Amino acid sequence: MMLLNYHDLLVAAIVGSGLAVYILFMIGWCVYQQLSHQEISQQRLNSSLGEKSFASRSLNQYLVSSFKYKKGINTPEDEASDADCVICLLGFEDGEDLQQLPRCNHSFHAPCINMWLYSHSDCPLCREPLEEVASEGNYP
């Protein structure tokens, strides 16, 4: 059996210490990256929620017309293409809740346009902005 001398022990201690420092540094770097990623994600979420709050406020402020769909009354027969919701691509059925945008008068299923306005501030069909309606003072 061979005994380790002082020099060999010193080299082993230095290498072991260096390896330990490297491992701790890598763990710290990984934790930092993870926290940075979470912080960026949280900022994006907060920004997104802020937009959603604006959109939900604008929904009440800009939509002037909610009604139940009745074929032939709300949409003339010759405008069959207007009898579809361009968001979900489904046709309007009798008794469904619809909402109409004030500036362009396009109609959509109420849940569809509500979801759309959580992330957009314009008409999904013609892209007419909703903000201009309130700034002109034509609608409450």
N, C-alpha and C. Protein backbone atom coordinates (compact mmCIF):
# COMPACT_ATOMS: atom_id res chain seq x y z
N MET A 1 0.83 -1.17 0.00
CA MET A 1 0.00 0.00 0.00
C MET A 1 0.88 1.24 0.00
N MET A 2 0.49 2.16 -0.81
CA MET A 2 1.32 3.32 -0.96
C MET A 2 0.70 4.48 -0.17
N LEU A 3 1.50 5.16 0.56
CA LEU A 3 1.05 6.31 1.33
C LEU A 3 1.18 7.57 0.49
N LEU A 4 0.20 8.44 0.64
CA LEU A 4 0.25 9.70 -0.08
C LEU A 4 1.09 10.68 0.71
N ASN A 5 1.95 11.36 0.00
CA ASN A 5 2.76 12.35 0.70
C ASN A 5 2.03 13.68 0.74
N TYR A 6 2.63 14.63 1.37
CA TYR A 6 2.03 15.94 1.59
C TYR A 6 1.72 16.62 0.26
N HIS A 7 2.59 16.53 -0.71
CA HIS A 7 2.41 17.16 -2.01
C HIS A 7 1.19 16.61 -2.74
N ASP A 8 1.02 15.29 -2.71
CA ASP A 8 -0.14 14.68 -3.37
C ASP A 8 -1.45 15.11 -2.70
N LEU A 9 -1.45 15.20 -1.40
CA LEU A 9 -2.65 15.64 -0.68
C LEU A 9 -2.99 17.09 -1.01
N LEU A 10 -1.98 17.92 -1.12
CA LEU A 10 -2.19 19.33 -1.44
C LEU A 10 -2.79 19.47 -2.85
N VAL A 11 -2.27 18.73 -3.81
CA VAL A 11 -2.79 18.78 -5.18
C VAL A 11 -4.24 18.28 -5.20
N ALA A 12 -4.53 17.21 -4.50
CA ALA A 12 -5.89 16.67 -4.46
C ALA A 12 -6.84 17.68 -3.82
N ALA A 13 -6.42 18.36 -2.77
CA ALA A 13 -7.25 19.35 -2.10
C ALA A 13 -7.53 20.54 -3.02
N ILE A 14 -6.53 20.98 -3.75
CA ILE A 14 -6.71 22.12 -4.66
C ILE A 14 -7.65 21.75 -5.80
N VAL A 15 -7.44 20.57 -6.39
CA VAL A 15 -8.30 20.12 -7.49
C VAL A 15 -9.74 19.94 -6.98
N GLY A 16 -9.90 19.32 -5.82
CA GLY A 16 -11.23 19.12 -5.24
C GLY A 16 -11.91 20.43 -4.93
N SER A 17 -11.17 21.38 -4.38
CA SER A 17 -11.74 22.70 -4.08
C SER A 17 -12.15 23.42 -5.36
N GLY A 18 -11.31 23.36 -6.37
CA GLY A 18 -11.63 23.98 -7.66
C GLY A 18 -12.88 23.38 -8.28
N LEU A 19 -12.98 22.05 -8.20
CA LEU A 19 -14.15 21.37 -8.73
C LEU A 19 -15.41 21.76 -7.96
N ALA A 20 -15.30 21.86 -6.65
CA ALA A 20 -16.45 22.26 -5.82
C ALA A 20 -16.89 23.69 -6.16
N VAL A 21 -15.93 24.60 -6.34
CA VAL A 21 -16.25 25.98 -6.70
C VAL A 21 -16.93 26.02 -8.07
N TYR A 22 -16.42 25.24 -9.02
CA TYR A 22 -17.01 25.19 -10.35
C TYR A 22 -18.44 24.67 -10.29
N ILE A 23 -18.68 23.62 -9.54
CA ILE A 23 -20.03 23.05 -9.42
C ILE A 23 -20.98 24.06 -8.77
N LEU A 24 -20.53 24.72 -7.70
CA LEU A 24 -21.37 25.73 -7.05
C LEU A 24 -21.66 26.90 -7.99
N PHE A 25 -20.66 27.31 -8.77
CA PHE A 25 -20.86 28.38 -9.73
C PHE A 25 -21.91 27.98 -10.77
N MET A 26 -21.83 26.76 -11.28
CA MET A 26 -22.79 26.29 -12.29
C MET A 26 -24.20 26.20 -11.70
N ILE A 27 -24.32 25.74 -10.47
CA ILE A 27 -25.63 25.68 -9.81
C ILE A 27 -26.20 27.09 -9.66
N GLY A 28 -25.37 28.03 -9.22
CA GLY A 28 -25.81 29.42 -9.07
C GLY A 28 -26.22 30.02 -10.40
N TRP A 29 -25.48 29.74 -11.45
CA TRP A 29 -25.80 30.26 -12.77
C TRP A 29 -27.14 29.70 -13.25
N CYS A 30 -27.37 28.40 -13.04
CA CYS A 30 -28.64 27.78 -13.45
C CYS A 30 -29.82 28.38 -12.68
N VAL A 31 -29.64 28.59 -11.39
CA VAL A 31 -30.71 29.20 -10.58
C VAL A 31 -30.98 30.62 -11.06
N TYR A 32 -29.93 31.37 -11.34
CA TYR A 32 -30.08 32.74 -11.84
C TYR A 32 -30.85 32.75 -13.17
N GLN A 33 -30.49 31.86 -14.08
CA GLN A 33 -31.17 31.78 -15.37
C GLN A 33 -32.65 31.45 -15.19
N GLN A 34 -32.93 30.51 -14.29
CA GLN A 34 -34.32 30.11 -14.05
C GLN A 34 -35.12 31.28 -13.47
N LEU A 35 -34.55 31.99 -12.51
CA LEU A 35 -35.24 33.13 -11.91
C LEU A 35 -35.44 34.25 -12.93
N SER A 36 -34.44 34.49 -13.77
CA SER A 36 -34.58 35.51 -14.81
C SER A 36 -35.69 35.15 -15.78
N HIS A 37 -35.73 33.88 -16.16
CA HIS A 37 -36.77 33.41 -17.07
C HIS A 37 -38.16 33.58 -16.43
N GLN A 38 -38.28 33.24 -15.15
CA GLN A 38 -39.56 33.39 -14.46
C GLN A 38 -39.95 34.86 -14.36
N GLU A 39 -38.98 35.73 -14.11
CA GLU A 39 -39.27 37.15 -14.00
C GLU A 39 -39.74 37.71 -15.34
N ILE A 40 -39.10 37.30 -16.42
CA ILE A 40 -39.52 37.76 -17.74
C ILE A 40 -40.92 37.25 -18.05
N SER A 41 -41.18 35.98 -17.71
CA SER A 41 -42.51 35.41 -17.93
C SER A 41 -43.55 36.17 -17.12
N GLN A 42 -43.22 36.51 -15.88
CA GLN A 42 -44.16 37.24 -15.03
C GLN A 42 -44.42 38.63 -15.59
N GLN A 43 -43.37 39.29 -16.11
CA GLN A 43 -43.56 40.61 -16.70
C GLN A 43 -44.46 40.53 -17.92
N ARG A 44 -44.26 39.49 -18.74
CA ARG A 44 -45.12 39.32 -19.91
C ARG A 44 -46.56 39.06 -19.48
N LEU A 45 -46.73 38.25 -18.45
CA LEU A 45 -48.07 37.95 -17.95
C LEU A 45 -48.73 39.22 -17.42
N ASN A 46 -47.98 40.00 -16.64
CA ASN A 46 -48.54 41.24 -16.10
C ASN A 46 -48.90 42.20 -17.23
N SER A 47 -48.05 42.28 -18.23
CA SER A 47 -48.34 43.13 -19.38
C SER A 47 -49.59 42.65 -20.09
N SER A 48 -49.68 41.35 -20.26
CA SER A 48 -50.84 40.75 -20.91
C SER A 48 -52.10 41.01 -20.10
N LEU A 49 -52.02 40.89 -18.78
CA LEU A 49 -53.18 41.14 -17.93
C LEU A 49 -53.59 42.60 -18.00
N GLY A 50 -52.61 43.49 -18.10
CA GLY A 50 -52.93 44.89 -18.25
C GLY A 50 -53.70 45.16 -19.52
N GLU A 51 -53.30 44.51 -20.61
CA GLU A 51 -54.01 44.64 -21.87
C GLU A 51 -55.41 44.06 -21.74
N LYS A 52 -55.53 42.96 -21.01
CA LYS A 52 -56.84 42.35 -20.85
C LYS A 52 -57.75 43.26 -20.04
N SER A 53 -57.19 43.92 -19.03
CA SER A 53 -58.01 44.84 -18.26
C SER A 53 -58.51 45.97 -19.14
N PHE A 54 -57.62 46.49 -19.99
CA PHE A 54 -58.03 47.53 -20.93
C PHE A 54 -59.12 47.01 -21.85
N ALA A 55 -58.91 45.81 -22.36
CA ALA A 55 -59.87 45.24 -23.31
C ALA A 55 -61.22 45.02 -22.64
N SER A 56 -61.23 44.56 -21.40
CA SER A 56 -62.52 44.31 -20.75
C SER A 56 -63.22 45.63 -20.45
N ARG A 57 -62.44 46.68 -20.13
CA ARG A 57 -63.06 47.99 -19.95
C ARG A 57 -63.61 48.49 -21.28
N SER A 58 -62.84 48.30 -22.34
CA SER A 58 -63.28 48.80 -23.64
C SER A 58 -64.49 48.03 -24.14
N LEU A 59 -64.62 46.78 -23.74
CA LEU A 59 -65.76 45.98 -24.17
C LEU A 59 -67.05 46.66 -23.74
N ASN A 60 -67.14 47.04 -22.47
CA ASN A 60 -68.35 47.71 -21.98
C ASN A 60 -68.50 49.10 -22.58
N GLN A 61 -67.39 49.74 -22.86
CA GLN A 61 -67.43 51.11 -23.33
C GLN A 61 -67.79 51.21 -24.81
N TYR A 62 -67.38 50.24 -25.61
CA TYR A 62 -67.50 50.38 -27.06
C TYR A 62 -68.63 49.58 -27.69
N LEU A 63 -69.05 48.49 -27.10
CA LEU A 63 -70.12 47.70 -27.71
C LEU A 63 -71.45 48.33 -27.36
N VAL A 64 -72.17 48.74 -28.36
CA VAL A 64 -73.42 49.44 -28.09
C VAL A 64 -74.63 48.56 -28.31
N SER A 65 -74.46 47.42 -28.95
CA SER A 65 -75.63 46.64 -29.31
C SER A 65 -75.43 45.17 -28.99
N SER A 66 -76.29 44.65 -28.12
CA SER A 66 -76.35 43.22 -27.85
C SER A 66 -77.77 42.78 -28.14
N PHE A 67 -77.91 41.64 -28.82
CA PHE A 67 -79.25 41.21 -29.19
C PHE A 67 -79.27 39.71 -29.44
N LYS A 68 -80.47 39.16 -29.49
CA LYS A 68 -80.69 37.76 -29.84
C LYS A 68 -80.88 37.68 -31.35
N TYR A 69 -80.20 36.73 -31.96
CA TYR A 69 -80.28 36.58 -33.42
C TYR A 69 -81.61 35.94 -33.81
N LYS A 70 -82.21 36.47 -34.85
CA LYS A 70 -83.43 35.89 -35.44
C LYS A 70 -83.26 35.97 -36.94
N LYS A 71 -83.19 34.81 -37.58
CA LYS A 71 -82.94 34.74 -39.02
C LYS A 71 -84.02 35.52 -39.78
N GLY A 72 -83.57 36.32 -40.74
CA GLY A 72 -84.49 37.10 -41.56
C GLY A 72 -84.81 38.47 -40.98
N ILE A 73 -84.64 38.62 -39.66
CA ILE A 73 -84.90 39.92 -39.03
C ILE A 73 -83.60 40.68 -38.86
N ASN A 74 -82.59 40.01 -38.25
CA ASN A 74 -81.31 40.67 -38.01
C ASN A 74 -80.45 40.73 -39.27
N THR A 75 -80.59 39.75 -40.15
CA THR A 75 -79.77 39.68 -41.34
C THR A 75 -80.65 39.35 -42.53
N PRO A 76 -80.68 40.17 -43.55
CA PRO A 76 -81.47 39.84 -44.74
C PRO A 76 -80.98 38.56 -45.39
N GLU A 77 -81.88 37.85 -46.04
CA GLU A 77 -81.55 36.57 -46.66
C GLU A 77 -80.46 36.71 -47.72
N ASP A 78 -80.42 37.85 -48.44
CA ASP A 78 -79.42 38.00 -49.50
C ASP A 78 -78.03 38.28 -48.96
N GLU A 79 -77.90 38.48 -47.66
CA GLU A 79 -76.59 38.69 -47.04
C GLU A 79 -76.22 37.47 -46.21
N ALA A 80 -76.28 36.31 -46.83
CA ALA A 80 -76.01 35.06 -46.11
C ALA A 80 -74.59 35.02 -45.57
N SER A 81 -73.65 35.67 -46.24
CA SER A 81 -72.27 35.65 -45.76
C SER A 81 -72.14 36.40 -44.44
N ASP A 82 -73.06 37.35 -44.17
CA ASP A 82 -73.04 38.09 -42.91
C ASP A 82 -73.70 37.30 -41.78
N ALA A 83 -74.22 36.13 -42.08
CA ALA A 83 -74.88 35.32 -41.06
C ALA A 83 -73.92 34.34 -40.41
N ASP A 84 -72.62 34.58 -40.56
CA ASP A 84 -71.60 33.74 -39.95
C ASP A 84 -70.71 34.58 -39.06
N CYS A 85 -70.24 33.98 -37.99
CA CYS A 85 -69.28 34.62 -37.11
C CYS A 85 -67.89 34.36 -37.70
N VAL A 86 -67.17 35.42 -38.05
CA VAL A 86 -65.86 35.24 -38.67
C VAL A 86 -64.79 34.82 -37.68
N ILE A 87 -65.11 34.83 -36.40
CA ILE A 87 -64.13 34.41 -35.40
C ILE A 87 -64.14 32.89 -35.26
N CYS A 88 -65.32 32.31 -35.04
CA CYS A 88 -65.41 30.85 -34.86
C CYS A 88 -65.81 30.13 -36.15
N LEU A 89 -66.22 30.91 -37.17
CA LEU A 89 -66.62 30.38 -38.48
C LEU A 89 -67.91 29.57 -38.45
N LEU A 90 -68.71 29.74 -37.40
CA LEU A 90 -70.01 29.07 -37.32
C LEU A 90 -71.11 30.06 -37.67
N GLY A 91 -72.18 29.54 -38.22
CA GLY A 91 -73.32 30.39 -38.55
C GLY A 91 -74.08 30.80 -37.31
N PHE A 92 -74.80 31.90 -37.43
CA PHE A 92 -75.65 32.36 -36.33
C PHE A 92 -76.92 31.52 -36.32
N GLU A 93 -77.33 31.12 -35.14
CA GLU A 93 -78.55 30.34 -34.95
C GLU A 93 -79.58 31.19 -34.24
N ASP A 94 -80.85 30.91 -34.48
CA ASP A 94 -81.92 31.65 -33.81
C ASP A 94 -81.75 31.59 -32.29
N GLY A 95 -81.87 32.73 -31.65
CA GLY A 95 -81.80 32.82 -30.20
C GLY A 95 -80.41 33.00 -29.63
N GLU A 96 -79.37 32.96 -30.45
CA GLU A 96 -78.01 33.14 -29.94
C GLU A 96 -77.77 34.61 -29.61
N ASP A 97 -76.95 34.83 -28.57
CA ASP A 97 -76.58 36.19 -28.19
C ASP A 97 -75.50 36.69 -29.14
N LEU A 98 -75.76 37.83 -29.77
CA LEU A 98 -74.80 38.46 -30.67
C LEU A 98 -74.47 39.84 -30.14
N GLN A 99 -73.32 40.35 -30.54
CA GLN A 99 -72.96 41.73 -30.23
C GLN A 99 -72.47 42.38 -31.51
N GLN A 100 -72.78 43.66 -31.63
CA GLN A 100 -72.44 44.40 -32.83
C GLN A 100 -71.49 45.54 -32.48
N LEU A 101 -70.41 45.66 -33.24
CA LEU A 101 -69.46 46.74 -33.02
C LEU A 101 -70.06 48.04 -33.55
N PRO A 102 -69.84 49.14 -32.86
CA PRO A 102 -70.54 50.38 -33.19
C PRO A 102 -70.09 51.05 -34.49
N ARG A 103 -68.83 51.03 -34.78
CA ARG A 103 -68.34 51.80 -35.93
C ARG A 103 -68.61 51.10 -37.26
N CYS A 104 -68.36 49.81 -37.31
CA CYS A 104 -68.49 49.08 -38.58
C CYS A 104 -69.77 48.25 -38.67
N ASN A 105 -70.47 48.09 -37.55
CA ASN A 105 -71.73 47.34 -37.48
C ASN A 105 -71.58 45.86 -37.80
N HIS A 106 -70.39 45.30 -37.64
CA HIS A 106 -70.22 43.86 -37.82
C HIS A 106 -70.70 43.15 -36.56
N SER A 107 -71.35 42.00 -36.76
CA SER A 107 -71.91 41.23 -35.64
C SER A 107 -71.13 39.94 -35.45
N PHE A 108 -71.06 39.51 -34.18
CA PHE A 108 -70.32 38.30 -33.81
C PHE A 108 -71.05 37.64 -32.65
N HIS A 109 -70.80 36.34 -32.45
CA HIS A 109 -71.28 35.68 -31.24
C HIS A 109 -70.71 36.45 -30.05
N ALA A 110 -71.52 36.66 -29.03
CA ALA A 110 -71.07 37.42 -27.86
C ALA A 110 -69.81 36.81 -27.23
N PRO A 111 -69.75 35.49 -26.97
CA PRO A 111 -68.52 34.94 -26.38
C PRO A 111 -67.31 35.08 -27.30
N CYS A 112 -67.53 34.99 -28.61
CA CYS A 112 -66.42 35.10 -29.56
C CYS A 112 -65.81 36.50 -29.55
N ILE A 113 -66.65 37.53 -29.63
CA ILE A 113 -66.13 38.89 -29.68
C ILE A 113 -65.56 39.30 -28.32
N ASN A 114 -66.14 38.78 -27.24
CA ASN A 114 -65.58 39.07 -25.91
C ASN A 114 -64.16 38.53 -25.81
N MET A 115 -63.95 37.28 -26.26
CA MET A 115 -62.62 36.69 -26.22
C MET A 115 -61.67 37.45 -27.15
N TRP A 116 -62.14 37.83 -28.31
CA TRP A 116 -61.31 38.58 -29.26
C TRP A 116 -60.85 39.90 -28.63
N LEU A 117 -61.76 40.60 -27.98
CA LEU A 117 -61.42 41.92 -27.44
C LEU A 117 -60.55 41.85 -26.19
N TYR A 118 -60.36 40.66 -25.64
CA TYR A 118 -59.40 40.54 -24.54
C TYR A 118 -57.98 40.76 -25.04
N SER A 119 -57.72 40.48 -26.30
CA SER A 119 -56.36 40.61 -26.80
C SER A 119 -56.24 41.55 -28.00
N HIS A 120 -57.32 42.10 -28.49
CA HIS A 120 -57.30 43.00 -29.64
C HIS A 120 -58.18 44.21 -29.35
N SER A 121 -57.94 45.27 -30.06
CA SER A 121 -58.78 46.46 -29.89
C SER A 121 -59.34 46.93 -31.24
N ASP A 122 -59.59 45.96 -32.11
CA ASP A 122 -60.15 46.29 -33.41
C ASP A 122 -61.13 45.21 -33.86
N CYS A 123 -61.85 45.50 -34.92
CA CYS A 123 -62.81 44.55 -35.47
C CYS A 123 -62.05 43.39 -36.12
N PRO A 124 -62.44 42.15 -35.84
CA PRO A 124 -61.73 41.02 -36.44
C PRO A 124 -61.97 40.89 -37.94
N LEU A 125 -62.98 41.55 -38.46
CA LEU A 125 -63.29 41.43 -39.89
C LEU A 125 -62.63 42.53 -40.71
N CYS A 126 -62.84 43.78 -40.31
CA CYS A 126 -62.33 44.90 -41.11
C CYS A 126 -61.17 45.63 -40.44
N ARG A 127 -60.83 45.26 -39.22
CA ARG A 127 -59.73 45.87 -38.45
C ARG A 127 -59.98 47.34 -38.10
N GLU A 128 -61.22 47.74 -38.11
CA GLU A 128 -61.57 49.11 -37.70
C GLU A 128 -61.27 49.25 -36.21
N PRO A 129 -60.44 50.21 -35.82
CA PRO A 129 -60.08 50.34 -34.40
C PRO A 129 -61.26 50.81 -33.55
N LEU A 130 -61.33 50.28 -32.34
CA LEU A 130 -62.41 50.66 -31.43
C LEU A 130 -62.11 51.95 -30.70
N GLU A 131 -60.84 52.27 -30.48
CA GLU A 131 -60.50 53.46 -29.70
C GLU A 131 -61.04 54.73 -30.35
N GLU A 132 -61.07 54.77 -31.67
CA GLU A 132 -61.52 55.97 -32.36
C GLU A 132 -62.97 56.29 -32.07
N VAL A 133 -63.76 55.28 -31.80
CA VAL A 133 -65.18 55.49 -31.52
C VAL A 133 -65.34 56.33 -30.27
N ALA A 134 -64.62 55.96 -29.20
CA ALA A 134 -64.75 56.69 -27.94
C ALA A 134 -64.17 58.09 -28.05
N SER A 135 -63.08 58.25 -28.80
CA SER A 135 -62.45 59.55 -28.89
C SER A 135 -63.29 60.55 -29.68
N GLU A 136 -64.13 60.05 -30.60
CA GLU A 136 -64.98 60.94 -31.36
C GLU A 136 -66.21 61.36 -30.56
N GLY A 137 -66.52 60.63 -29.50
CA GLY A 137 -67.63 60.99 -28.65
C GLY A 137 -68.99 60.62 -29.21
N ASN A 138 -69.04 59.74 -30.20
CA ASN A 138 -70.32 59.36 -30.78
C ASN A 138 -71.09 58.38 -29.91
N TYR A 139 -70.40 57.68 -29.04
CA TYR A 139 -71.02 56.64 -28.24
C TYR A 139 -70.64 56.83 -26.79
N PRO A 140 -71.49 56.36 -25.88
CA PRO A 140 -71.17 56.50 -24.45
C PRO A 140 -69.99 55.67 -24.05
